[in-house]
């Protein structure tokens, strides 16, 4: 690995919504890495040096509302088209015309929509953990309301401004450790235990989190990095992504059932509810992702895929990138 490939630089670049903080490593074709909830650019710490060493300009951002990026006050400032334009602005601010975009969790959905809405900028798309499911069907809030019976699914729980913040912000570090553990393969609740995706009436999400043990991928130092950012910023910017799901449904009506035709990659965890609940979306890939190069489910892996299984994810990413047309 060259000395140049090992250097990490932090930058702030201007976007229509303010500024985006990014971390950059390496030189070559641009690969834009987009994190999910509740994370930051740091989620890609295992990928940045490997991509740089493989000859790519690897750039991981703090999504709008996170970390050192801008945090607009208005809830509707976090709707999907605005986040897509942030990504476009980052590419152009870096002096590039196009990029490969790779996302995890909410970042996968942001990456997919970036490729869908701006195909002239995003020439290929990699999706981690959350499959591509085209816009369509009922309004998201109506779907959530019908799930869980007497319990409330977390997407609904996050809708009301201030509600989840009141649970999380008094003990950000403790809440994050439980949330990460709840969806990691080695620490998630056993089959048949109460599901941490749901909240009982009058309860809190953390009532069902595992206690007392960090997942193997998460050190105390790593947890400190995440906790320090959210302790500084609060949780509202991150949670506002969930509060725009109905707006996204309205904004993207012109893309109802639209496929993504660029070369694509999917990597999911075999023990991740994102891949089991959305199994039909994966089965539909021949129609919805006609440019799919490869799709992988990692046995024994939970939701935090690029941190739980960095070596496998890195190999799959670099093999896919190497096969893309220039």
C-alpha atoms as a PDB file:
ATOM      1  CA  UNK A   1       0.000   0.000   0.000  1.00  0.00           C
ATOM      2  CA  UNK A   2       1.446   3.370  -0.971  1.00  0.00           C
ATOM      3  CA  UNK A   3       1.884   6.210   1.491  1.00  0.00           C
ATOM      4  CA  UNK A   4      -0.613   8.234  -0.539  1.00  0.00           C
ATOM      5  CA  UNK A   5      -3.231   5.515  -0.116  1.00  0.00           C
ATOM      6  CA  UNK A   6      -2.900   5.594   3.655  1.00  0.00           C
ATOM      7  CA  UNK A   7      -3.541   9.330   4.026  1.00  0.00           C
ATOM      8  CA  UNK A   8      -7.004  10.380   5.196  1.00  0.00           C
ATOM      9  CA  UNK A   9      -8.209  13.924   4.663  1.00  0.00           C
ATOM     10  CA  UNK A  10     -11.307  15.628   6.050  1.00  0.00           C
ATOM     11  CA  UNK A  11     -13.121  18.279   4.023  1.00  0.00           C
ATOM     12  CA  UNK A  12     -16.276  20.365   4.086  1.00  0.00           C
ATOM     13  CA  UNK A  13     -17.903  21.013   0.704  1.00  0.00           C
ATOM     14  CA  UNK A  14     -20.823  23.274  -0.201  1.00  0.00           C
ATOM     15  CA  UNK A  15     -24.174  21.767  -1.203  1.00  0.00           C
ATOM     16  CA  UNK A  16     -27.638  23.217  -1.841  1.00  0.00           C
ATOM     17  CA  UNK A  17     -28.580  22.405   1.777  1.00  0.00           C
ATOM     18  CA  UNK A  18     -25.452  23.788   3.435  1.00  0.00           C
ATOM     19  CA  UNK A  19     -22.235  21.822   3.787  1.00  0.00           C
ATOM     20  CA  UNK A  20     -21.316  18.143   3.760  1.00  0.00           C
ATOM     21  CA  UNK A  21     -18.374  16.766   5.730  1.00  0.00           C
ATOM     22  CA  UNK A  22     -16.439  14.050   3.972  1.00  0.00           C
ATOM     23  CA  UNK A  23     -13.425  11.847   4.529  1.00  0.00           C
ATOM     24  CA  UNK A  24     -11.270  11.045   1.525  1.00  0.00           C
ATOM     25  CA  UNK A  25      -8.562   8.474   0.905  1.00  0.00           C
ATOM     26  CA  UNK A  26      -6.732   7.423  -2.247  1.00  0.00           C
ATOM     27  CA  UNK A  27      -6.847   8.514  -5.868  1.00  0.00           C
ATOM     28  CA  UNK A  28      -8.491   7.148  -8.989  1.00  0.00           C
ATOM     29  CA  UNK A  29     -12.140   6.630  -9.956  1.00  0.00           C
ATOM     30  CA  UNK A  30     -14.468   8.115  -7.332  1.00  0.00           C
ATOM     31  CA  UNK A  31     -16.402   5.780  -5.019  1.00  0.00           C
ATOM     32  CA  UNK A  32     -18.887   7.624  -2.793  1.00  0.00           C
ATOM     33  CA  UNK A  33     -19.814   5.826   0.456  1.00  0.00           C
ATOM     34  CA  UNK A  34     -23.102   6.707   2.192  1.00  0.00           C
ATOM     35  CA  UNK A  35     -23.843   5.518   5.738  1.00  0.00           C
ATOM     36  CA  UNK A  36     -27.120   4.675   7.461  1.00  0.00           C
ATOM     37  CA  UNK A  37     -28.811   5.148  10.853  1.00  0.00           C
ATOM     38  CA  UNK A  38     -27.426   5.742  13.446  1.00  0.00           C
ATOM     39  CA  UNK A  39     -23.914   5.978  12.058  1.00  0.00           C
ATOM     40  CA  UNK A  40     -21.459   8.349  10.324  1.00  0.00           C
ATOM     41  CA  UNK A  41     -18.593   8.338   7.839  1.00  0.00           C
ATOM     42  CA  UNK A  42     -16.778   6.205  10.433  1.00  0.00           C
ATOM     43  CA  UNK A  43     -18.926   3.222   9.421  1.00  0.00           C
ATOM     44  CA  UNK A  44     -16.667   2.928   6.361  1.00  0.00           C
ATOM     45  CA  UNK A  45     -13.371   2.930   8.291  1.00  0.00           C
ATOM     46  CA  UNK A  46     -12.593  -0.621   7.106  1.00  0.00           C
ATOM     47  CA  UNK A  47     -13.393   0.137   3.465  1.00  0.00           C
ATOM     48  CA  UNK A  48     -11.594   3.451   2.932  1.00  0.00           C
ATOM     49  CA  UNK A  49      -7.997   2.139   3.066  1.00  0.00           C
ATOM     50  CA  UNK A  50      -8.784  -1.009   1.090  1.00  0.00           C
ATOM     51  CA  UNK A  51     -10.503   0.903  -1.701  1.00  0.00           C
ATOM     52  CA  UNK A  52      -7.688   3.424  -1.739  1.00  0.00           C
ATOM     53  CA  UNK A  53      -5.087   0.663  -1.994  1.00  0.00           C
ATOM     54  CA  UNK A  54      -7.062  -0.865  -4.869  1.00  0.00           C
ATOM     55  CA  UNK A  55      -6.736   2.345  -6.878  1.00  0.00           C
ATOM     56  CA  UNK A  56      -9.907   4.246  -6.046  1.00  0.00           C
ATOM     57  CA  UNK A  57     -10.685   7.660  -4.625  1.00  0.00           C
ATOM     58  CA  UNK A  58     -12.787   6.533  -1.672  1.00  0.00           C
ATOM     59  CA  UNK A  59     -14.969   9.228  -0.115  1.00  0.00           C
ATOM     60  CA  UNK A  60     -17.247   8.654   2.893  1.00  0.00           C
ATOM     61  CA  UNK A  61     -19.681  11.398   3.840  1.00  0.00           C
ATOM     62  CA  UNK A  62     -21.598  12.417   6.909  1.00  0.00           C
ATOM     63  CA  UNK A  63     -25.153  12.469   5.546  1.00  0.00           C
ATOM     64  CA  UNK A  64     -27.094  15.697   6.045  1.00  0.00           C
ATOM     65  CA  UNK A  65     -28.152  15.846   9.704  1.00  0.00           C
ATOM     66  CA  UNK A  66     -25.184  13.799  10.939  1.00  0.00           C
ATOM     67  CA  UNK A  67     -21.730  14.491  12.290  1.00  0.00           C
ATOM     68  CA  UNK A  68     -20.076  17.623  10.955  1.00  0.00           C
ATOM     69  CA  UNK A  69     -22.499  18.102   8.058  1.00  0.00           C
ATOM     70  CA  UNK A  70     -25.220  20.741   8.071  1.00  0.00           C
ATOM     71  CA  UNK A  71     -28.377  20.096  10.075  1.00  0.00           C
ATOM     72  CA  UNK A  72     -31.261  22.186   8.733  1.00  0.00           C
ATOM     73  CA  UNK A  73     -34.012  22.878  11.263  1.00  0.00           C
ATOM     74  CA  UNK A  74     -36.946  22.097   8.974  1.00  0.00           C
ATOM     75  CA  UNK A  75     -38.089  18.473   9.117  1.00  0.00           C
ATOM     76  CA  UNK A  76     -38.876  18.453   5.397  1.00  0.00           C
ATOM     77  CA  UNK A  77     -35.279  19.446   4.564  1.00  0.00           C
ATOM     78  CA  UNK A  78     -34.394  15.748   4.838  1.00  0.00           C
ATOM     79  CA  UNK A  79     -36.570  14.467   1.994  1.00  0.00           C
ATOM     80  CA  UNK A  80     -34.954  12.110  -0.494  1.00  0.00           C
ATOM     81  CA  UNK A  81     -34.458  14.436  -3.500  1.00  0.00           C
ATOM     82  CA  UNK A  82     -32.537  16.849  -1.261  1.00  0.00           C
ATOM     83  CA  UNK A  83     -30.191  14.081  -0.120  1.00  0.00           C
ATOM     84  CA  UNK A  84     -29.668  13.004  -3.728  1.00  0.00           C
ATOM     85  CA  UNK A  85     -28.678  16.556  -4.636  1.00  0.00           C
ATOM     86  CA  UNK A  86     -26.231  16.595  -1.714  1.00  0.00           C
ATOM     87  CA  UNK A  87     -24.514  13.583  -3.270  1.00  0.00           C
ATOM     88  CA  UNK A  88     -24.432  15.209  -6.698  1.00  0.00           C
ATOM     89  CA  UNK A  89     -22.950  18.367  -5.169  1.00  0.00           C
ATOM     90  CA  UNK A  90     -20.252  16.319  -3.415  1.00  0.00           C
ATOM     91  CA  UNK A  91     -19.235  14.670  -6.706  1.00  0.00           C
ATOM     92  CA  UNK A  92     -18.990  18.035  -8.449  1.00  0.00           C
ATOM     93  CA  UNK A  93     -17.220  19.709  -5.521  1.00  0.00           C
ATOM     94  CA  UNK A  94     -14.541  17.034  -5.798  1.00  0.00           C
ATOM     95  CA  UNK A  95     -14.000  17.999  -9.433  1.00  0.00           C
ATOM     96  CA  UNK A  96     -15.595  14.846 -10.810  1.00  0.00           C
ATOM     97  CA  UNK A  97     -18.411  14.331 -13.304  1.00  0.00           C
ATOM     98  CA  UNK A  98     -19.437  10.852 -12.183  1.00  0.00           C
ATOM     99  CA  UNK A  99     -19.000   8.329  -9.396  1.00  0.00           C
ATOM    100  CA  UNK A 100     -19.859   4.857  -8.219  1.00  0.00           C
ATOM    101  CA  UNK A 101     -22.116   5.164  -5.176  1.00  0.00           C
ATOM    102  CA  UNK A 102     -22.321   2.571  -2.383  1.00  0.00           C
ATOM    103  CA  UNK A 103     -24.692   2.801   0.563  1.00  0.00           C
ATOM    104  CA  UNK A 104     -25.607   0.894   3.717  1.00  0.00           C
ATOM    105  CA  UNK A 105     -28.993   0.871   5.506  1.00  0.00           C
ATOM    106  CA  UNK A 106     -30.630   4.273   4.814  1.00  0.00           C
ATOM    107  CA  UNK A 107     -27.517   4.971   2.794  1.00  0.00           C
ATOM    108  CA  UNK A 108     -28.468   2.094   0.477  1.00  0.00           C
ATOM    109  CA  UNK A 109     -31.852   3.704  -0.165  1.00  0.00           C
ATOM    110  CA  UNK A 110     -30.198   7.091  -0.688  1.00  0.00           C
ATOM    111  CA  UNK A 111     -27.674   5.490  -3.045  1.00  0.00           C
ATOM    112  CA  UNK A 112     -30.394   3.690  -4.998  1.00  0.00           C
ATOM    113  CA  UNK A 113     -32.388   6.887  -5.433  1.00  0.00           C
ATOM    114  CA  UNK A 114     -29.253   8.793  -6.386  1.00  0.00           C
ATOM    115  CA  UNK A 115     -28.686   6.295  -9.192  1.00  0.00           C
ATOM    116  CA  UNK A 116     -32.365   6.416 -10.155  1.00  0.00           C
ATOM    117  CA  UNK A 117     -32.774  10.194 -10.193  1.00  0.00           C
ATOM    118  CA  UNK A 118     -29.313  11.145 -11.486  1.00  0.00           C
ATOM    119  CA  UNK A 119     -28.055   8.310 -13.706  1.00  0.00           C
ATOM    120  CA  UNK A 120     -25.765  10.680 -15.595  1.00  0.00           C
ATOM    121  CA  UNK A 121     -23.785  11.222 -12.364  1.00  0.00           C
ATOM    122  CA  UNK A 122     -23.948   7.810 -10.682  1.00  0.00           C
ATOM    123  CA  UNK A 123     -22.686   5.198 -13.113  1.00  0.00           C
ATOM    124  CA  UNK A 124     -23.024   2.182 -10.794  1.00  0.00           C
ATOM    125  CA  UNK A 125     -24.605   1.475  -7.404  1.00  0.00           C
ATOM    126  CA  UNK A 126     -23.771  -0.878  -4.554  1.00  0.00           C
ATOM    127  CA  UNK A 127     -26.407  -1.648  -1.917  1.00  0.00           C
ATOM    128  CA  UNK A 128     -25.557  -3.077   1.503  1.00  0.00           C
ATOM    129  CA  UNK A 129     -28.175  -4.614   3.833  1.00  0.00           C
ATOM    130  CA  UNK A 130     -31.292  -2.891   2.468  1.00  0.00           C
ATOM    131  CA  UNK A 131     -32.526  -4.190  -0.903  1.00  0.00           C
ATOM    132  CA  UNK A 132     -33.810  -1.893  -3.622  1.00  0.00           C
ATOM    133  CA  UNK A 133     -37.601  -1.767  -3.593  1.00  0.00           C
ATOM    134  CA  UNK A 134     -39.070   0.661  -6.145  1.00  0.00           C
ATOM    135  CA  UNK A 135     -41.498   3.334  -5.049  1.00  0.00           C
ATOM    136  CA  UNK A 136     -45.075   2.073  -5.180  1.00  0.00           C
ATOM    137  CA  UNK A 137     -47.937   0.649  -3.180  1.00  0.00           C
ATOM    138  CA  UNK A 138     -49.641   2.321  -0.222  1.00  0.00           C
ATOM    139  CA  UNK A 139     -48.348   5.323   1.688  1.00  0.00           C
ATOM    140  CA  UNK A 140     -45.529   4.159   4.022  1.00  0.00           C
ATOM    141  CA  UNK A 141     -47.191   5.402   7.204  1.00  0.00           C
ATOM    142  CA  UNK A 142     -50.267   3.352   6.353  1.00  0.00           C
ATOM    143  CA  UNK A 143     -48.124   0.243   5.896  1.00  0.00           C
ATOM    144  CA  UNK A 144     -46.370   0.796   9.244  1.00  0.00           C
ATOM    145  CA  UNK A 145     -49.680   1.309  11.036  1.00  0.00           C
ATOM    146  CA  UNK A 146     -50.767  -2.156   9.937  1.00  0.00           C
ATOM    147  CA  UNK A 147     -47.668  -3.914  11.260  1.00  0.00           C
ATOM    148  CA  UNK A 148     -47.084  -5.333  14.708  1.00  0.00           C
ATOM    149  CA  UNK A 149     -50.659  -5.686  15.954  1.00  0.00           C
ATOM    150  CA  UNK A 150     -50.754  -4.129  19.434  1.00  0.00           C
ATOM    151  CA  UNK A 151     -47.097  -3.167  19.126  1.00  0.00           C
ATOM    152  CA  UNK A 152     -45.565  -0.288  17.180  1.00  0.00           C
ATOM    153  CA  UNK A 153     -42.821  -0.768  14.621  1.00  0.00           C
ATOM    154  CA  UNK A 154     -39.784   1.456  15.087  1.00  0.00           C
ATOM    155  CA  UNK A 155     -40.406   3.439  11.862  1.00  0.00           C
ATOM    156  CA  UNK A 156     -43.697   4.624  13.335  1.00  0.00           C
ATOM    157  CA  UNK A 157     -42.118   5.224  16.732  1.00  0.00           C
ATOM    158  CA  UNK A 158     -39.600   7.565  15.096  1.00  0.00           C
ATOM    159  CA  UNK A 159     -42.240   9.701  13.343  1.00  0.00           C
ATOM    160  CA  UNK A 160     -43.222  12.133  16.100  1.00  0.00           C
ATOM    161  CA  UNK A 161     -40.588  14.861  16.591  1.00  0.00           C
ATOM    162  CA  UNK A 162     -39.059  14.675  20.045  1.00  0.00           C
ATOM    163  CA  UNK A 163     -40.434  11.288  21.028  1.00  0.00           C
ATOM    164  CA  UNK A 164     -37.443   9.110  20.202  1.00  0.00           C
ATOM    165  CA  UNK A 165     -35.080  11.929  21.148  1.00  0.00           C
ATOM    166  CA  UNK A 166     -36.525  11.820  24.678  1.00  0.00           C
ATOM    167  CA  UNK A 167     -35.581   8.147  24.915  1.00  0.00           C
ATOM    168  CA  UNK A 168     -32.135   8.354  23.332  1.00  0.00           C
ATOM    169  CA  UNK A 169     -30.536  11.660  24.279  1.00  0.00           C
ATOM    170  CA  UNK A 170     -30.340  11.231  28.082  1.00  0.00           C
ATOM    171  CA  UNK A 171     -27.999   8.229  27.496  1.00  0.00           C
ATOM    172  CA  UNK A 172     -26.759   8.318  23.920  1.00  0.00           C
ATOM    173  CA  UNK A 173     -23.871   5.917  24.441  1.00  0.00           C
ATOM    174  CA  UNK A 174     -25.968   3.338  26.284  1.00  0.00           C
ATOM    175  CA  UNK A 175     -28.755   3.536  23.720  1.00  0.00           C
ATOM    176  CA  UNK A 176     -26.405   3.198  20.759  1.00  0.00           C
ATOM    177  CA  UNK A 177     -24.629   0.196  22.284  1.00  0.00           C
ATOM    178  CA  UNK A 178     -27.975  -1.553  22.756  1.00  0.00           C
ATOM    179  CA  UNK A 179     -29.223  -0.651  19.283  1.00  0.00           C
ATOM    180  CA  UNK A 180     -26.067  -1.916  17.608  1.00  0.00           C
ATOM    181  CA  UNK A 181     -26.155  -5.106  19.683  1.00  0.00           C
ATOM    182  CA  UNK A 182     -29.840  -5.733  18.910  1.00  0.00           C
ATOM    183  CA  UNK A 183     -29.141  -6.104  15.203  1.00  0.00           C
ATOM    184  CA  UNK A 184     -25.688  -7.737  15.246  1.00  0.00           C
ATOM    185  CA  UNK A 185     -25.513 -11.462  14.562  1.00  0.00           C
ATOM    186  CA  UNK A 186     -23.523 -12.306  17.695  1.00  0.00           C
ATOM    187  CA  UNK A 187     -25.607 -10.309  20.191  1.00  0.00           C
ATOM    188  CA  UNK A 188     -29.150 -10.084  18.776  1.00  0.00           C
ATOM    189  CA  UNK A 189     -32.011 -11.525  20.862  1.00  0.00           C
ATOM    190  CA  UNK A 190     -32.567 -15.236  20.488  1.00  0.00           C
ATOM    191  CA  UNK A 191     -35.347 -16.513  18.209  1.00  0.00           C
ATOM    192  CA  UNK A 192     -38.673 -16.218  20.005  1.00  0.00           C
ATOM    193  CA  UNK A 193     -37.533 -13.332  22.219  1.00  0.00           C
ATOM    194  CA  UNK A 194     -39.430 -10.032  21.975  1.00  0.00           C
ATOM    195  CA  UNK A 195     -38.517  -8.371  18.670  1.00  0.00           C
ATOM    196  CA  UNK A 196     -36.432  -5.180  19.105  1.00  0.00           C
ATOM    197  CA  UNK A 197     -37.920  -3.747  15.908  1.00  0.00           C
ATOM    198  CA  UNK A 198     -41.157  -3.175  17.843  1.00  0.00           C
ATOM    199  CA  UNK A 199     -42.224  -1.140  20.856  1.00  0.00           C
ATOM    200  CA  UNK A 200     -44.904  -2.284  23.282  1.00  0.00           C
ATOM    201  CA  UNK A 201     -47.629   0.155  24.326  1.00  0.00           C
ATOM    202  CA  UNK A 202     -46.143   2.691  26.707  1.00  0.00           C
ATOM    203  CA  UNK A 203     -42.694   1.178  26.263  1.00  0.00           C
ATOM    204  CA  UNK A 204     -39.414   2.192  24.685  1.00  0.00           C
ATOM    205  CA  UNK A 205     -37.224   0.620  22.031  1.00  0.00           C
ATOM    206  CA  UNK A 206     -34.413   0.064  24.506  1.00  0.00           C
ATOM    207  CA  UNK A 207     -36.639  -2.182  26.630  1.00  0.00           C
ATOM    208  CA  UNK A 208     -35.752  -5.000  24.214  1.00  0.00           C
ATOM    209  CA  UNK A 209     -32.088  -4.253  23.619  1.00  0.00           C
ATOM    210  CA  UNK A 210     -29.481  -6.780  24.787  1.00  0.00           C
ATOM    211  CA  UNK A 211     -27.585  -5.518  27.809  1.00  0.00           C
ATOM    212  CA  UNK A 212     -24.030  -5.862  28.996  1.00  0.00           C
ATOM    213  CA  UNK A 213     -22.173  -7.010  25.888  1.00  0.00           C
ATOM    214  CA  UNK A 214     -20.919  -5.215  22.810  1.00  0.00           C
ATOM    215  CA  UNK A 215     -20.936  -7.036  19.484  1.00  0.00           C
ATOM    216  CA  UNK A 216     -17.533  -8.302  18.392  1.00  0.00           C
ATOM    217  CA  UNK A 217     -17.189  -5.690  15.645  1.00  0.00           C
ATOM    218  CA  UNK A 218     -17.682  -2.754  18.031  1.00  0.00           C
ATOM    219  CA  UNK A 219     -14.887  -1.770  20.414  1.00  0.00           C
ATOM    220  CA  UNK A 220     -15.327   0.656  23.287  1.00  0.00           C
ATOM    221  CA  UNK A 221     -13.310   3.145  21.247  1.00  0.00           C
ATOM    222  CA  UNK A 222     -15.574   2.700  18.211  1.00  0.00           C
ATOM    223  CA  UNK A 223     -18.635   3.219  20.386  1.00  0.00           C
ATOM    224  CA  UNK A 224     -17.062   6.377  21.789  1.00  0.00           C
ATOM    225  CA  UNK A 225     -16.646   7.776  18.265  1.00  0.00           C
ATOM    226  CA  UNK A 226     -20.325   7.281  17.470  1.00  0.00           C
ATOM    227  CA  UNK A 227     -21.550   8.437  20.874  1.00  0.00           C
ATOM    228  CA  UNK A 228     -19.454  11.592  20.895  1.00  0.00           C
ATOM    229  CA  UNK A 229     -20.897  12.693  17.563  1.00  0.00           C
ATOM    230  CA  UNK A 230     -24.526  12.181  18.585  1.00  0.00           C
ATOM    231  CA  UNK A 231     -23.954  13.676  22.029  1.00  0.00           C
ATOM    232  CA  UNK A 232     -22.703  16.782  20.265  1.00  0.00           C
ATOM    233  CA  UNK A 233     -25.354  16.984  17.534  1.00  0.00           C
ATOM    234  CA  UNK A 234     -28.422  15.390  19.107  1.00  0.00           C
ATOM    235  CA  UNK A 235     -30.529  12.829  17.251  1.00  0.00           C
ATOM    236  CA  UNK A 236     -33.082  14.978  15.418  1.00  0.00           C
ATOM    237  CA  UNK A 237     -31.173  15.353  12.151  1.00  0.00           C
ATOM    238  CA  UNK A 238     -30.714  11.600  11.902  1.00  0.00           C
ATOM    239  CA  UNK A 239     -34.305  10.790  12.858  1.00  0.00           C
ATOM    240  CA  UNK A 240     -35.703  13.294  10.353  1.00  0.00           C
ATOM    241  CA  UNK A 241     -34.903  10.819   7.568  1.00  0.00           C
ATOM    242  CA  UNK A 242     -37.684   8.588   8.927  1.00  0.00           C
ATOM    243  CA  UNK A 243     -40.010  11.577   9.182  1.00  0.00           C
ATOM    244  CA  UNK A 244     -39.881  12.126   5.437  1.00  0.00           C
ATOM    245  CA  UNK A 245     -40.892   8.697   4.207  1.00  0.00           C
ATOM    246  CA  UNK A 246     -44.394   9.842   3.234  1.00  0.00           C
ATOM    247  CA  UNK A 247     -42.911  12.922   1.542  1.00  0.00           C
ATOM    248  CA  UNK A 248     -40.546  10.651  -0.402  1.00  0.00           C
ATOM    249  CA  UNK A 249     -43.533   8.599  -1.526  1.00  0.00           C
ATOM    250  CA  UNK A 250     -45.124  11.796  -2.859  1.00  0.00           C
ATOM    251  CA  UNK A 251     -41.931  13.272  -4.325  1.00  0.00           C
ATOM    252  CA  UNK A 252     -40.991  10.130  -6.252  1.00  0.00           C
ATOM    253  CA  UNK A 253     -44.365   9.383  -7.832  1.00  0.00           C
ATOM    254  CA  UNK A 254     -42.871   9.843 -11.313  1.00  0.00           C
ATOM    255  CA  UNK A 255     -40.549   6.903 -10.550  1.00  0.00           C
ATOM    256  CA  UNK A 256     -43.269   4.456  -9.542  1.00  0.00           C
ATOM    257  CA  UNK A 257     -41.979   0.892 -10.080  1.00  0.00           C
ATOM    258  CA  UNK A 258     -38.923   2.267 -11.910  1.00  0.00           C
ATOM    259  CA  UNK A 259     -35.904  -0.038 -12.355  1.00  0.00           C
ATOM    260  CA  UNK A 260     -32.296   0.975 -11.780  1.00  0.00           C
ATOM    261  CA  UNK A 261     -30.438   0.020 -14.941  1.00  0.00           C
ATOM    262  CA  UNK A 262     -26.813   0.831 -14.046  1.00  0.00           C
ATOM    263  CA  UNK A 263     -24.466  -1.967 -12.986  1.00  0.00           C
ATOM    264  CA  UNK A 264     -25.364  -2.873  -9.413  1.00  0.00           C
ATOM    265  CA  UNK A 265     -24.297  -5.003  -6.460  1.00  0.00           C
ATOM    266  CA  UNK A 266     -26.207  -6.228  -3.413  1.00  0.00           C
ATOM    267  CA  UNK A 267     -24.718  -7.642  -0.211  1.00  0.00           C
ATOM    268  CA  UNK A 268     -26.967  -8.582   2.694  1.00  0.00           C
ATOM    269  CA  UNK A 269     -26.699 -10.343   6.025  1.00  0.00           C
ATOM    270  CA  UNK A 270     -28.327 -13.726   6.402  1.00  0.00           C
ATOM    271  CA  UNK A 271     -29.525 -12.831   9.923  1.00  0.00           C
ATOM    272  CA  UNK A 272     -30.674  -9.320   9.072  1.00  0.00           C
ATOM    273  CA  UNK A 273     -34.403  -8.599   9.122  1.00  0.00           C
ATOM    274  CA  UNK A 274     -33.824  -6.202   6.219  1.00  0.00           C
ATOM    275  CA  UNK A 275     -33.145  -9.177   3.971  1.00  0.00           C
ATOM    276  CA  UNK A 276     -35.814 -11.497   5.385  1.00  0.00           C
ATOM    277  CA  UNK A 277     -38.646  -8.944   5.492  1.00  0.00           C
ATOM    278  CA  UNK A 278     -37.700  -7.733   2.017  1.00  0.00           C
ATOM    279  CA  UNK A 279     -37.012 -11.143   0.501  1.00  0.00           C
ATOM    280  CA  UNK A 280     -39.572 -10.405  -2.229  1.00  0.00           C
ATOM    281  CA  UNK A 281     -37.599  -7.309  -3.211  1.00  0.00           C
ATOM    282  CA  UNK A 282     -34.477  -9.451  -3.653  1.00  0.00           C
ATOM    283  CA  UNK A 283     -36.432 -11.982  -5.717  1.00  0.00           C
ATOM    284  CA  UNK A 284     -37.606  -9.124  -7.960  1.00  0.00           C
ATOM    285  CA  UNK A 285     -34.067  -8.014  -8.855  1.00  0.00           C
ATOM    286  CA  UNK A 286     -34.218  -9.366 -12.439  1.00  0.00           C
ATOM    287  CA  UNK A 287     -36.912  -6.742 -13.034  1.00  0.00           C
ATOM    288  CA  UNK A 288     -35.962  -3.959 -10.611  1.00  0.00           C
ATOM    289  CA  UNK A 289     -32.149  -4.199 -10.990  1.00  0.00           C
ATOM    290  CA  UNK A 290     -31.651  -5.426 -14.559  1.00  0.00           C
ATOM    291  CA  UNK A 291     -28.003  -4.333 -14.394  1.00  0.00           C
ATOM    292  CA  UNK A 292     -27.298  -6.464 -11.307  1.00  0.00           C
ATOM    293  CA  UNK A 293     -23.796  -7.930 -11.487  1.00  0.00           C
ATOM    294  CA  UNK A 294     -24.020 -10.057  -8.340  1.00  0.00           C
ATOM    295  CA  UNK A 295     -26.087 -10.527  -5.184  1.00  0.00           C
ATOM    296  CA  UNK A 296     -24.767 -12.045  -1.965  1.00  0.00           C
ATOM    297  CA  UNK A 297     -26.172 -13.080   1.423  1.00  0.00           C
ATOM    298  CA  UNK A 298     -23.486 -13.556   4.072  1.00  0.00           C
ATOM    299  CA  UNK A 299     -24.347 -16.437   6.393  1.00  0.00           C
ATOM    300  CA  UNK A 300     -24.289 -15.617  10.082  1.00  0.00           C
ATOM    301  CA  UNK A 301     -24.129 -11.866   9.487  1.00  0.00           C
ATOM    302  CA  UNK A 302     -26.422  -9.240  10.952  1.00  0.00           C
ATOM    303  CA  UNK A 303     -27.267  -5.707   9.870  1.00  0.00           C
ATOM    304  CA  UNK A 304     -23.957  -3.836  10.291  1.00  0.00           C
ATOM    305  CA  UNK A 305     -22.498  -5.733   7.408  1.00  0.00           C
ATOM    306  CA  UNK A 306     -19.402  -3.761   6.396  1.00  0.00           C
ATOM    307  CA  UNK A 307     -18.338  -3.619  10.049  1.00  0.00           C
ATOM    308  CA  UNK A 308     -19.323  -7.170  11.032  1.00  0.00           C
ATOM    309  CA  UNK A 309     -17.670  -8.768   7.999  1.00  0.00           C
ATOM    310  CA  UNK A 310     -15.237  -6.209   6.570  1.00  0.00           C
ATOM    311  CA  UNK A 311     -12.926  -8.652   4.784  1.00  0.00           C
ATOM    312  CA  UNK A 312     -15.751 -10.312   2.847  1.00  0.00           C
ATOM    313  CA  UNK A 313     -17.451  -7.034   2.027  1.00  0.00           C
ATOM    314  CA  UNK A 314     -14.166  -5.503   0.899  1.00  0.00           C
ATOM    315  CA  UNK A 315     -13.455  -8.445  -1.380  1.00  0.00           C
ATOM    316  CA  UNK A 316     -16.915  -8.317  -2.932  1.00  0.00           C
ATOM    317  CA  UNK A 317     -16.731  -4.547  -3.397  1.00  0.00           C
ATOM    318  CA  UNK A 318     -13.292  -4.524  -4.983  1.00  0.00           C
ATOM    319  CA  UNK A 319     -14.090  -7.465  -7.267  1.00  0.00           C
ATOM    320  CA  UNK A 320     -17.276  -5.708  -8.421  1.00  0.00           C
ATOM    321  CA  UNK A 321     -15.550  -2.370  -8.917  1.00  0.00           C
ATOM    322  CA  UNK A 322     -12.744  -3.973 -10.911  1.00  0.00           C
ATOM    323  CA  UNK A 323     -15.284  -5.515 -13.296  1.00  0.00           C
ATOM    324  CA  UNK A 324     -17.138  -2.272 -13.991  1.00  0.00           C
ATOM    325  CA  UNK A 325     -16.692  -0.594 -17.366  1.00  0.00           C
ATOM    326  CA  UNK A 326     -14.524   2.521 -17.229  1.00  0.00           C
END
